[in-house]
Amino acid sequence: VTEAFDQNPEVAARTLNLEVVRDRL
């Protein structure tokens, strides 16, 4: 919605955190 393209590093961080949670499960 905001088209905040400067937030691409945040995408990587959040995706990595999700993978960590998935691996823990």
mmCIF file of all heavy atoms, coordinates in Angstrom:
data_MODEL
# 
_entry.id   MODEL 
# 
loop_
_atom_site.group_PDB 
_atom_site.id 
_atom_site.type_symbol 
_atom_site.label_atom_id 
_atom_site.label_alt_id 
_atom_site.label_comp_id 
_atom_site.label_asym_id 
_atom_site.label_entity_id 
_atom_site.label_seq_id 
_atom_site.pdbx_PDB_ins_code 
_atom_site.Cartn_x 
_atom_site.Cartn_y 
_atom_site.Cartn_z 
_atom_site.occupancy 
_atom_site.B_iso_or_equiv 
_atom_site.pdbx_formal_charge 
_atom_site.auth_seq_id 
_atom_site.auth_comp_id 
_atom_site.auth_asym_id 
_atom_site.auth_atom_id 
_atom_site.pdbx_PDB_model_num 
ATOM 1   N N   . VAL A 1 1  ? 0.829  -1.207  0.000  1.00 0.00 ? 1  VAL A N   1 
ATOM 2   C CA  . VAL A 1 1  ? 0.000  0.000   0.000  1.00 0.00 ? 1  VAL A CA  1 
ATOM 3   C C   . VAL A 1 1  ? 0.861  1.254   0.000  1.00 0.00 ? 1  VAL A C   1 
ATOM 4   O O   . VAL A 1 1  ? 0.632  2.209   -0.735 1.00 0.00 ? 1  VAL A O   1 
ATOM 5   C CB  . VAL A 1 1  ? -0.938 0.005   1.212  1.00 0.00 ? 1  VAL A CB  1 
ATOM 6   C CG1 . VAL A 1 1  ? -1.663 1.325   1.347  1.00 0.00 ? 1  VAL A CG1 1 
ATOM 7   C CG2 . VAL A 1 1  ? -1.941 -1.138  1.074  1.00 0.00 ? 1  VAL A CG2 1 
ATOM 8   N N   . THR A 1 2  ? 1.897  1.278   0.842  1.00 0.00 ? 2  THR A N   1 
ATOM 9   C CA  . THR A 1 2  ? 2.740  2.471   0.980  1.00 0.00 ? 2  THR A CA  1 
ATOM 10  C C   . THR A 1 2  ? 3.810  2.565   -0.093 1.00 0.00 ? 2  THR A C   1 
ATOM 11  O O   . THR A 1 2  ? 4.408  3.629   -0.280 1.00 0.00 ? 2  THR A O   1 
ATOM 12  C CB  . THR A 1 2  ? 3.421  2.465   2.351  1.00 0.00 ? 2  THR A CB  1 
ATOM 13  O OG1 . THR A 1 2  ? 4.208  1.265   2.467  1.00 0.00 ? 2  THR A OG1 1 
ATOM 14  C CG2 . THR A 1 2  ? 2.377  2.443   3.467  1.00 0.00 ? 2  THR A CG2 1 
ATOM 15  N N   . GLU A 1 3  ? 4.091  1.412   -0.769 1.00 0.00 ? 3  GLU A N   1 
ATOM 16  C CA  . GLU A 1 3  ? 5.122  1.343   -1.799 1.00 0.00 ? 3  GLU A CA  1 
ATOM 17  C C   . GLU A 1 3  ? 6.455  1.862   -1.265 1.00 0.00 ? 3  GLU A C   1 
ATOM 18  O O   . GLU A 1 3  ? 7.145  2.650   -1.904 1.00 0.00 ? 3  GLU A O   1 
ATOM 19  C CB  . GLU A 1 3  ? 4.707  2.156   -3.036 1.00 0.00 ? 3  GLU A CB  1 
ATOM 20  C CG  . GLU A 1 3  ? 3.471  1.593   -3.720 1.00 0.00 ? 3  GLU A CG  1 
ATOM 21  C CD  . GLU A 1 3  ? 3.105  2.402   -4.972 1.00 0.00 ? 3  GLU A CD  1 
ATOM 22  O OE1 . GLU A 1 3  ? 3.788  3.410   -5.218 1.00 0.00 ? 3  GLU A OE1 1 
ATOM 23  O OE2 . GLU A 1 3  ? 2.170  1.977   -5.654 1.00 0.00 ? 3  GLU A OE2 1 
ATOM 24  N N   . ALA A 1 4  ? 6.784  1.406   0.001  1.00 0.00 ? 4  ALA A N   1 
ATOM 25  C CA  . ALA A 1 4  ? 8.049  1.830   0.600  1.00 0.00 ? 4  ALA A CA  1 
ATOM 26  C C   . ALA A 1 4  ? 9.148  0.879   0.170  1.00 0.00 ? 4  ALA A C   1 
ATOM 27  O O   . ALA A 1 4  ? 9.405  -0.125  0.822  1.00 0.00 ? 4  ALA A O   1 
ATOM 28  C CB  . ALA A 1 4  ? 7.914  1.867   2.116  1.00 0.00 ? 4  ALA A CB  1 
ATOM 29  N N   . PHE A 1 5  ? 9.778  1.238   -1.010 1.00 0.00 ? 5  PHE A N   1 
ATOM 30  C CA  . PHE A 1 5  ? 10.779 0.320   -1.556 1.00 0.00 ? 5  PHE A CA  1 
ATOM 31  C C   . PHE A 1 5  ? 12.083 0.344   -0.770 1.00 0.00 ? 5  PHE A C   1 
ATOM 32  O O   . PHE A 1 5  ? 12.917 -0.533  -0.929 1.00 0.00 ? 5  PHE A O   1 
ATOM 33  C CB  . PHE A 1 5  ? 11.072 0.686   -3.020 1.00 0.00 ? 5  PHE A CB  1 
ATOM 34  C CG  . PHE A 1 5  ? 9.880  0.471   -3.919 1.00 0.00 ? 5  PHE A CG  1 
ATOM 35  C CD1 . PHE A 1 5  ? 9.137  1.569   -4.351 1.00 0.00 ? 5  PHE A CD1 1 
ATOM 36  C CD2 . PHE A 1 5  ? 9.513  -0.805  -4.309 1.00 0.00 ? 5  PHE A CD2 1 
ATOM 37  C CE1 . PHE A 1 5  ? 8.041  1.388   -5.176 1.00 0.00 ? 5  PHE A CE1 1 
ATOM 38  C CE2 . PHE A 1 5  ? 8.419  -0.969  -5.136 1.00 0.00 ? 5  PHE A CE2 1 
ATOM 39  C CZ  . PHE A 1 5  ? 7.667  0.118   -5.568 1.00 0.00 ? 5  PHE A CZ  1 
ATOM 40  N N   . ASP A 1 6  ? 12.232 1.356   0.065  1.00 0.00 ? 6  ASP A N   1 
ATOM 41  C CA  . ASP A 1 6  ? 13.460 1.402   0.847  1.00 0.00 ? 6  ASP A CA  1 
ATOM 42  C C   . ASP A 1 6  ? 13.454 0.401   2.016  1.00 0.00 ? 6  ASP A C   1 
ATOM 43  O O   . ASP A 1 6  ? 14.398 0.352   2.784  1.00 0.00 ? 6  ASP A O   1 
ATOM 44  C CB  . ASP A 1 6  ? 13.674 2.816   1.403  1.00 0.00 ? 6  ASP A CB  1 
ATOM 45  C CG  . ASP A 1 6  ? 12.484 3.279   2.242  1.00 0.00 ? 6  ASP A CG  1 
ATOM 46  O OD1 . ASP A 1 6  ? 11.362 2.714   2.066  1.00 0.00 ? 6  ASP A OD1 1 
ATOM 47  O OD2 . ASP A 1 6  ? 12.661 4.180   3.093  1.00 0.00 ? 6  ASP A OD2 1 
ATOM 48  N N   . GLN A 1 7  ? 12.404 -0.374  2.148  1.00 0.00 ? 7  GLN A N   1 
ATOM 49  C CA  . GLN A 1 7  ? 12.296 -1.331  3.246  1.00 0.00 ? 7  GLN A CA  1 
ATOM 50  C C   . GLN A 1 7  ? 12.691 -2.745  2.806  1.00 0.00 ? 7  GLN A C   1 
ATOM 51  O O   . GLN A 1 7  ? 12.362 -3.728  3.458  1.00 0.00 ? 7  GLN A O   1 
ATOM 52  C CB  . GLN A 1 7  ? 10.866 -1.359  3.788  1.00 0.00 ? 7  GLN A CB  1 
ATOM 53  C CG  . GLN A 1 7  ? 10.445 -0.037  4.409  1.00 0.00 ? 7  GLN A CG  1 
ATOM 54  C CD  . GLN A 1 7  ? 9.016  -0.087  4.958  1.00 0.00 ? 7  GLN A CD  1 
ATOM 55  O OE1 . GLN A 1 7  ? 8.366  -1.129  4.851  1.00 0.00 ? 7  GLN A OE1 1 
ATOM 56  N NE2 . GLN A 1 7  ? 8.578  1.029   5.531  1.00 0.00 ? 7  GLN A NE2 1 
ATOM 57  N N   . ASN A 1 8  ? 13.394 -2.959  1.730  1.00 0.00 ? 8  ASN A N   1 
ATOM 58  C CA  . ASN A 1 8  ? 13.792 -4.298  1.261  1.00 0.00 ? 8  ASN A CA  1 
ATOM 59  C C   . ASN A 1 8  ? 14.652 -5.043  2.267  1.00 0.00 ? 8  ASN A C   1 
ATOM 60  O O   . ASN A 1 8  ? 14.495 -6.257  2.445  1.00 0.00 ? 8  ASN A O   1 
ATOM 61  C CB  . ASN A 1 8  ? 14.550 -4.173  -0.066 1.00 0.00 ? 8  ASN A CB  1 
ATOM 62  C CG  . ASN A 1 8  ? 13.574 -3.836  -1.209 1.00 0.00 ? 8  ASN A CG  1 
ATOM 63  O OD1 . ASN A 1 8  ? 12.381 -4.119  -1.099 1.00 0.00 ? 8  ASN A OD1 1 
ATOM 64  N ND2 . ASN A 1 8  ? 14.095 -3.235  -2.266 1.00 0.00 ? 8  ASN A ND2 1 
ATOM 65  N N   . PRO A 1 9  ? 15.593 -4.419  2.973  1.00 0.00 ? 9  PRO A N   1 
ATOM 66  C CA  . PRO A 1 9  ? 16.330 -5.149  4.021  1.00 0.00 ? 9  PRO A CA  1 
ATOM 67  C C   . PRO A 1 9  ? 15.404 -5.695  5.119  1.00 0.00 ? 9  PRO A C   1 
ATOM 68  O O   . PRO A 1 9  ? 15.636 -6.765  5.686  1.00 0.00 ? 9  PRO A O   1 
ATOM 69  C CB  . PRO A 1 9  ? 17.291 -4.093  4.580  1.00 0.00 ? 9  PRO A CB  1 
ATOM 70  C CG  . PRO A 1 9  ? 17.467 -3.131  3.448  1.00 0.00 ? 9  PRO A CG  1 
ATOM 71  C CD  . PRO A 1 9  ? 16.140 -3.036  2.768  1.00 0.00 ? 9  PRO A CD  1 
ATOM 72  N N   . GLU A 1 10 ? 14.372 -4.969  5.417  1.00 0.00 ? 10 GLU A N   1 
ATOM 73  C CA  . GLU A 1 10 ? 13.409 -5.447  6.432  1.00 0.00 ? 10 GLU A CA  1 
ATOM 74  C C   . GLU A 1 10 ? 12.717 -6.720  5.983  1.00 0.00 ? 10 GLU A C   1 
ATOM 75  O O   . GLU A 1 10 ? 12.423 -7.619  6.783  1.00 0.00 ? 10 GLU A O   1 
ATOM 76  C CB  . GLU A 1 10 ? 12.383 -4.348  6.696  1.00 0.00 ? 10 GLU A CB  1 
ATOM 77  C CG  . GLU A 1 10 ? 11.394 -4.700  7.789  1.00 0.00 ? 10 GLU A CG  1 
ATOM 78  C CD  . GLU A 1 10 ? 12.030 -4.751  9.171  1.00 0.00 ? 10 GLU A CD  1 
ATOM 79  O OE1 . GLU A 1 10 ? 13.132 -4.199  9.339  1.00 0.00 ? 10 GLU A OE1 1 
ATOM 80  O OE2 . GLU A 1 10 ? 11.426 -5.399  10.072 1.00 0.00 ? 10 GLU A OE2 1 
ATOM 81  N N   . VAL A 1 11 ? 12.477 -6.810  4.642  1.00 0.00 ? 11 VAL A N   1 
ATOM 82  C CA  . VAL A 1 11 ? 11.840 -8.023  4.104  1.00 0.00 ? 11 VAL A CA  1 
ATOM 83  C C   . VAL A 1 11 ? 12.731 -9.238  4.349  1.00 0.00 ? 11 VAL A C   1 
ATOM 84  O O   . VAL A 1 11 ? 12.263 -10.307 4.778  1.00 0.00 ? 11 VAL A O   1 
ATOM 85  C CB  . VAL A 1 11 ? 11.557 -7.851  2.598  1.00 0.00 ? 11 VAL A CB  1 
ATOM 86  C CG1 . VAL A 1 11 ? 11.081 -9.169  2.000  1.00 0.00 ? 11 VAL A CG1 1 
ATOM 87  C CG2 . VAL A 1 11 ? 10.554 -6.745  2.367  1.00 0.00 ? 11 VAL A CG2 1 
ATOM 88  N N   . ALA A 1 12 ? 13.985 -9.049  4.102  1.00 0.00 ? 12 ALA A N   1 
ATOM 89  C CA  . ALA A 1 12 ? 14.918 -10.161 4.304  1.00 0.00 ? 12 ALA A CA  1 
ATOM 90  C C   . ALA A 1 12 ? 14.979 -10.578 5.760  1.00 0.00 ? 12 ALA A C   1 
ATOM 91  O O   . ALA A 1 12 ? 15.000 -11.766 6.100  1.00 0.00 ? 12 ALA A O   1 
ATOM 92  C CB  . ALA A 1 12 ? 16.300 -9.769  3.792  1.00 0.00 ? 12 ALA A CB  1 
ATOM 93  N N   . ALA A 1 13 ? 14.990 -9.590  6.654  1.00 0.00 ? 13 ALA A N   1 
ATOM 94  C CA  . ALA A 1 13 ? 15.078 -9.904  8.084  1.00 0.00 ? 13 ALA A CA  1 
ATOM 95  C C   . ALA A 1 13 ? 13.832 -10.643 8.569  1.00 0.00 ? 13 ALA A C   1 
ATOM 96  O O   . ALA A 1 13 ? 13.907 -11.622 9.326  1.00 0.00 ? 13 ALA A O   1 
ATOM 97  C CB  . ALA A 1 13 ? 15.283 -8.607  8.878  1.00 0.00 ? 13 ALA A CB  1 
ATOM 98  N N   . ARG A 1 14 ? 12.690 -10.110 8.153  1.00 0.00 ? 14 ARG A N   1 
ATOM 99  C CA  . ARG A 1 14 ? 11.441 -10.756 8.588  1.00 0.00 ? 14 ARG A CA  1 
ATOM 100 C C   . ARG A 1 14 ? 11.316 -12.184 8.005  1.00 0.00 ? 14 ARG A C   1 
ATOM 101 O O   . ARG A 1 14 ? 10.841 -13.111 8.678  1.00 0.00 ? 14 ARG A O   1 
ATOM 102 C CB  . ARG A 1 14 ? 10.237 -9.927  8.162  1.00 0.00 ? 14 ARG A CB  1 
ATOM 103 C CG  . ARG A 1 14 ? 10.113 -8.632  8.974  1.00 0.00 ? 14 ARG A CG  1 
ATOM 104 C CD  . ARG A 1 14 ? 8.937  -7.799  8.489  1.00 0.00 ? 14 ARG A CD  1 
ATOM 105 N NE  . ARG A 1 14 ? 8.779  -6.595  9.281  1.00 0.00 ? 14 ARG A NE  1 
ATOM 106 C CZ  . ARG A 1 14 ? 8.091  -6.493  10.423 1.00 0.00 ? 14 ARG A CZ  1 
ATOM 107 N NH1 . ARG A 1 14 ? 7.486  -7.601  10.906 1.00 0.00 ? 14 ARG A NH1 1 
ATOM 108 N NH2 . ARG A 1 14 ? 8.031  -5.363  11.081 1.00 0.00 ? 14 ARG A NH2 1 
ATOM 109 N N   . THR A 1 15 ? 11.741 -12.367 6.783  1.00 0.00 ? 15 THR A N   1 
ATOM 110 C CA  . THR A 1 15 ? 11.684 -13.710 6.174  1.00 0.00 ? 15 THR A CA  1 
ATOM 111 C C   . THR A 1 15 ? 12.615 -14.671 6.906  1.00 0.00 ? 15 THR A C   1 
ATOM 112 O O   . THR A 1 15 ? 12.275 -15.840 7.152  1.00 0.00 ? 15 THR A O   1 
ATOM 113 C CB  . THR A 1 15 ? 12.072 -13.621 4.691  1.00 0.00 ? 15 THR A CB  1 
ATOM 114 O OG1 . THR A 1 15 ? 11.179 -12.708 4.018  1.00 0.00 ? 15 THR A OG1 1 
ATOM 115 C CG2 . THR A 1 15 ? 11.981 -14.978 4.029  1.00 0.00 ? 15 THR A CG2 1 
ATOM 116 N N   . LEU A 1 16 ? 13.822 -14.155 7.283  1.00 0.00 ? 16 LEU A N   1 
ATOM 117 C CA  . LEU A 1 16 ? 14.759 -14.990 8.025  1.00 0.00 ? 16 LEU A CA  1 
ATOM 118 C C   . LEU A 1 16 ? 14.186 -15.391 9.382  1.00 0.00 ? 16 LEU A C   1 
ATOM 119 O O   . LEU A 1 16 ? 14.317 -16.547 9.818  1.00 0.00 ? 16 LEU A O   1 
ATOM 120 C CB  . LEU A 1 16 ? 16.076 -14.230 8.213  1.00 0.00 ? 16 LEU A CB  1 
ATOM 121 C CG  . LEU A 1 16 ? 17.160 -14.986 8.996  1.00 0.00 ? 16 LEU A CG  1 
ATOM 122 C CD1 . LEU A 1 16 ? 17.554 -16.256 8.254  1.00 0.00 ? 16 LEU A CD1 1 
ATOM 123 C CD2 . LEU A 1 16 ? 18.395 -14.084 9.194  1.00 0.00 ? 16 LEU A CD2 1 
ATOM 124 N N   . ASN A 1 17 ? 13.527 -14.460 10.047 1.00 0.00 ? 17 ASN A N   1 
ATOM 125 C CA  . ASN A 1 17 ? 12.920 -14.777 11.356 1.00 0.00 ? 17 ASN A CA  1 
ATOM 126 C C   . ASN A 1 17 ? 11.836 -15.854 11.210 1.00 0.00 ? 17 ASN A C   1 
ATOM 127 O O   . ASN A 1 17 ? 11.718 -16.760 12.055 1.00 0.00 ? 17 ASN A O   1 
ATOM 128 C CB  . ASN A 1 17 ? 12.329 -13.504 11.965 1.00 0.00 ? 17 ASN A CB  1 
ATOM 129 C CG  . ASN A 1 17 ? 11.695 -13.781 13.315 1.00 0.00 ? 17 ASN A CG  1 
ATOM 130 O OD1 . ASN A 1 17 ? 12.370 -14.165 14.262 1.00 0.00 ? 17 ASN A OD1 1 
ATOM 131 N ND2 . ASN A 1 17 ? 10.375 -13.594 13.405 1.00 0.00 ? 17 ASN A ND2 1 
ATOM 132 N N   . LEU A 1 18 ? 11.065 -15.767 10.123 1.00 0.00 ? 18 LEU A N   1 
ATOM 133 C CA  . LEU A 1 18 ? 10.020 -16.781 9.900  1.00 0.00 ? 18 LEU A CA  1 
ATOM 134 C C   . LEU A 1 18 ? 10.643 -18.154 9.668  1.00 0.00 ? 18 LEU A C   1 
ATOM 135 O O   . LEU A 1 18 ? 10.128 -19.175 10.152 1.00 0.00 ? 18 LEU A O   1 
ATOM 136 C CB  . LEU A 1 18 ? 9.162  -16.362 8.690  1.00 0.00 ? 18 LEU A CB  1 
ATOM 137 C CG  . LEU A 1 18 ? 8.003  -17.309 8.344  1.00 0.00 ? 18 LEU A CG  1 
ATOM 138 C CD1 . LEU A 1 18 ? 7.009  -17.383 9.504  1.00 0.00 ? 18 LEU A CD1 1 
ATOM 139 C CD2 . LEU A 1 18 ? 7.304  -16.843 7.066  1.00 0.00 ? 18 LEU A CD2 1 
ATOM 140 N N   . GLU A 1 19 ? 11.758 -18.173 8.960  1.00 0.00 ? 19 GLU A N   1 
ATOM 141 C CA  . GLU A 1 19 ? 12.412 -19.449 8.729  1.00 0.00 ? 19 GLU A CA  1 
ATOM 142 C C   . GLU A 1 19 ? 12.940 -20.048 10.036 1.00 0.00 ? 19 GLU A C   1 
ATOM 143 O O   . GLU A 1 19 ? 12.897 -21.272 10.248 1.00 0.00 ? 19 GLU A O   1 
ATOM 144 C CB  . GLU A 1 19 ? 13.557 -19.272 7.726  1.00 0.00 ? 19 GLU A CB  1 
ATOM 145 C CG  . GLU A 1 19 ? 13.103 -18.958 6.308  1.00 0.00 ? 19 GLU A CG  1 
ATOM 146 C CD  . GLU A 1 19 ? 12.273 -20.088 5.722  1.00 0.00 ? 19 GLU A CD  1 
ATOM 147 O OE1 . GLU A 1 19 ? 12.544 -21.275 6.054  1.00 0.00 ? 19 GLU A OE1 1 
ATOM 148 O OE2 . GLU A 1 19 ? 11.341 -19.800 4.951  1.00 0.00 ? 19 GLU A OE2 1 
ATOM 149 N N   . VAL A 1 20 ? 13.447 -19.175 10.902 1.00 0.00 ? 20 VAL A N   1 
ATOM 150 C CA  . VAL A 1 20 ? 13.945 -19.650 12.201 1.00 0.00 ? 20 VAL A CA  1 
ATOM 151 C C   . VAL A 1 20 ? 12.816 -20.288 13.006 1.00 0.00 ? 20 VAL A C   1 
ATOM 152 O O   . VAL A 1 20 ? 12.959 -21.364 13.593 1.00 0.00 ? 20 VAL A O   1 
ATOM 153 C CB  . VAL A 1 20 ? 14.586 -18.486 12.981 1.00 0.00 ? 20 VAL A CB  1 
ATOM 154 C CG1 . VAL A 1 20 ? 14.908 -18.927 14.417 1.00 0.00 ? 20 VAL A CG1 1 
ATOM 155 C CG2 . VAL A 1 20 ? 15.861 -18.032 12.281 1.00 0.00 ? 20 VAL A CG2 1 
ATOM 156 N N   . VAL A 1 21 ? 11.650 -19.629 13.002 1.00 0.00 ? 21 VAL A N   1 
ATOM 157 C CA  . VAL A 1 21 ? 10.501 -20.170 13.734 1.00 0.00 ? 21 VAL A CA  1 
ATOM 158 C C   . VAL A 1 21 ? 10.051 -21.498 13.121 1.00 0.00 ? 21 VAL A C   1 
ATOM 159 O O   . VAL A 1 21 ? 9.723  -22.462 13.832 1.00 0.00 ? 21 VAL A O   1 
ATOM 160 C CB  . VAL A 1 21 ? 9.348  -19.151 13.754 1.00 0.00 ? 21 VAL A CB  1 
ATOM 161 C CG1 . VAL A 1 21 ? 8.091  -19.766 14.388 1.00 0.00 ? 21 VAL A CG1 1 
ATOM 162 C CG2 . VAL A 1 21 ? 9.761  -17.894 14.500 1.00 0.00 ? 21 VAL A CG2 1 
ATOM 163 N N   . ARG A 1 22 ? 10.077 -21.566 11.798 1.00 0.00 ? 22 ARG A N   1 
ATOM 164 C CA  . ARG A 1 22 ? 9.652  -22.796 11.124 1.00 0.00 ? 22 ARG A CA  1 
ATOM 165 C C   . ARG A 1 22 ? 10.622 -23.939 11.434 1.00 0.00 ? 22 ARG A C   1 
ATOM 166 O O   . ARG A 1 22 ? 10.216 -25.086 11.659 1.00 0.00 ? 22 ARG A O   1 
ATOM 167 C CB  . ARG A 1 22 ? 9.563  -22.547 9.620  1.00 0.00 ? 22 ARG A CB  1 
ATOM 168 C CG  . ARG A 1 22 ? 9.011  -23.749 8.852  1.00 0.00 ? 22 ARG A CG  1 
ATOM 169 C CD  . ARG A 1 22 ? 8.878  -23.450 7.370  1.00 0.00 ? 22 ARG A CD  1 
ATOM 170 N NE  . ARG A 1 22 ? 7.763  -22.542 7.097  1.00 0.00 ? 22 ARG A NE  1 
ATOM 171 C CZ  . ARG A 1 22 ? 7.898  -21.302 6.647  1.00 0.00 ? 22 ARG A CZ  1 
ATOM 172 N NH1 . ARG A 1 22 ? 9.129  -20.803 6.421  1.00 0.00 ? 22 ARG A NH1 1 
ATOM 173 N NH2 . ARG A 1 22 ? 6.853  -20.541 6.428  1.00 0.00 ? 22 ARG A NH2 1 
ATOM 174 N N   . ASP A 1 23 ? 11.927 -23.645 11.456 1.00 0.00 ? 23 ASP A N   1 
ATOM 175 C CA  . ASP A 1 23 ? 12.910 -24.671 11.786 1.00 0.00 ? 23 ASP A CA  1 
ATOM 176 C C   . ASP A 1 23 ? 12.746 -25.163 13.233 1.00 0.00 ? 23 ASP A C   1 
ATOM 177 O O   . ASP A 1 23 ? 12.903 -26.357 13.519 1.00 0.00 ? 23 ASP A O   1 
ATOM 178 C CB  . ASP A 1 23 ? 14.328 -24.115 11.586 1.00 0.00 ? 23 ASP A CB  1 
ATOM 179 C CG  . ASP A 1 23 ? 14.653 -23.897 10.116 1.00 0.00 ? 23 ASP A CG  1 
ATOM 180 O OD1 . ASP A 1 23 ? 13.937 -24.495 9.273  1.00 0.00 ? 23 ASP A OD1 1 
ATOM 181 O OD2 . ASP A 1 23 ? 15.582 -23.138 9.823  1.00 0.00 ? 23 ASP A OD2 1 
ATOM 182 N N   . ARG A 1 24 ? 12.421 -24.212 14.139 1.00 0.00 ? 24 ARG A N   1 
ATOM 183 C CA  . ARG A 1 24 ? 12.220 -24.604 15.535 1.00 0.00 ? 24 ARG A CA  1 
ATOM 184 C C   . ARG A 1 24 ? 11.043 -25.581 15.658 1.00 0.00 ? 24 ARG A C   1 
ATOM 185 O O   . ARG A 1 24 ? 11.117 -26.573 16.382 1.00 0.00 ? 24 ARG A O   1 
ATOM 186 C CB  . ARG A 1 24 ? 11.976 -23.363 16.381 1.00 0.00 ? 24 ARG A CB  1 
ATOM 187 C CG  . ARG A 1 24 ? 11.925 -23.695 17.879 1.00 0.00 ? 24 ARG A CG  1 
ATOM 188 C CD  . ARG A 1 24 ? 11.570 -22.462 18.701 1.00 0.00 ? 24 ARG A CD  1 
ATOM 189 N NE  . ARG A 1 24 ? 12.492 -21.370 18.416 1.00 0.00 ? 24 ARG A NE  1 
ATOM 190 C CZ  . ARG A 1 24 ? 12.125 -20.149 18.015 1.00 0.00 ? 24 ARG A CZ  1 
ATOM 191 N NH1 . ARG A 1 24 ? 10.840 -19.878 17.848 1.00 0.00 ? 24 ARG A NH1 1 
ATOM 192 N NH2 . ARG A 1 24 ? 13.022 -19.214 17.808 1.00 0.00 ? 24 ARG A NH2 1 
ATOM 193 N N   . LEU A 1 25 ? 9.964  -25.276 14.926 1.00 0.00 ? 25 LEU A N   1 
ATOM 194 C CA  . LEU A 1 25 ? 8.800  -26.176 14.952 1.00 0.00 ? 25 LEU A CA  1 
ATOM 195 C C   . LEU A 1 25 ? 9.153  -27.553 14.386 1.00 0.00 ? 25 LEU A C   1 
ATOM 196 O O   . LEU A 1 25 ? 8.760  -28.584 14.935 1.00 0.00 ? 25 LEU A O   1 
ATOM 197 C CB  . LEU A 1 25 ? 7.642  -25.561 14.149 1.00 0.00 ? 25 LEU A CB  1 
ATOM 198 C CG  . LEU A 1 25 ? 6.413  -26.470 13.963 1.00 0.00 ? 25 LEU A CG  1 
ATOM 199 C CD1 . LEU A 1 25 ? 5.800  -26.862 15.299 1.00 0.00 ? 25 LEU A CD1 1 
ATOM 200 C CD2 . LEU A 1 25 ? 5.379  -25.778 13.067 1.00 0.00 ? 25 LEU A CD2 1 
# 
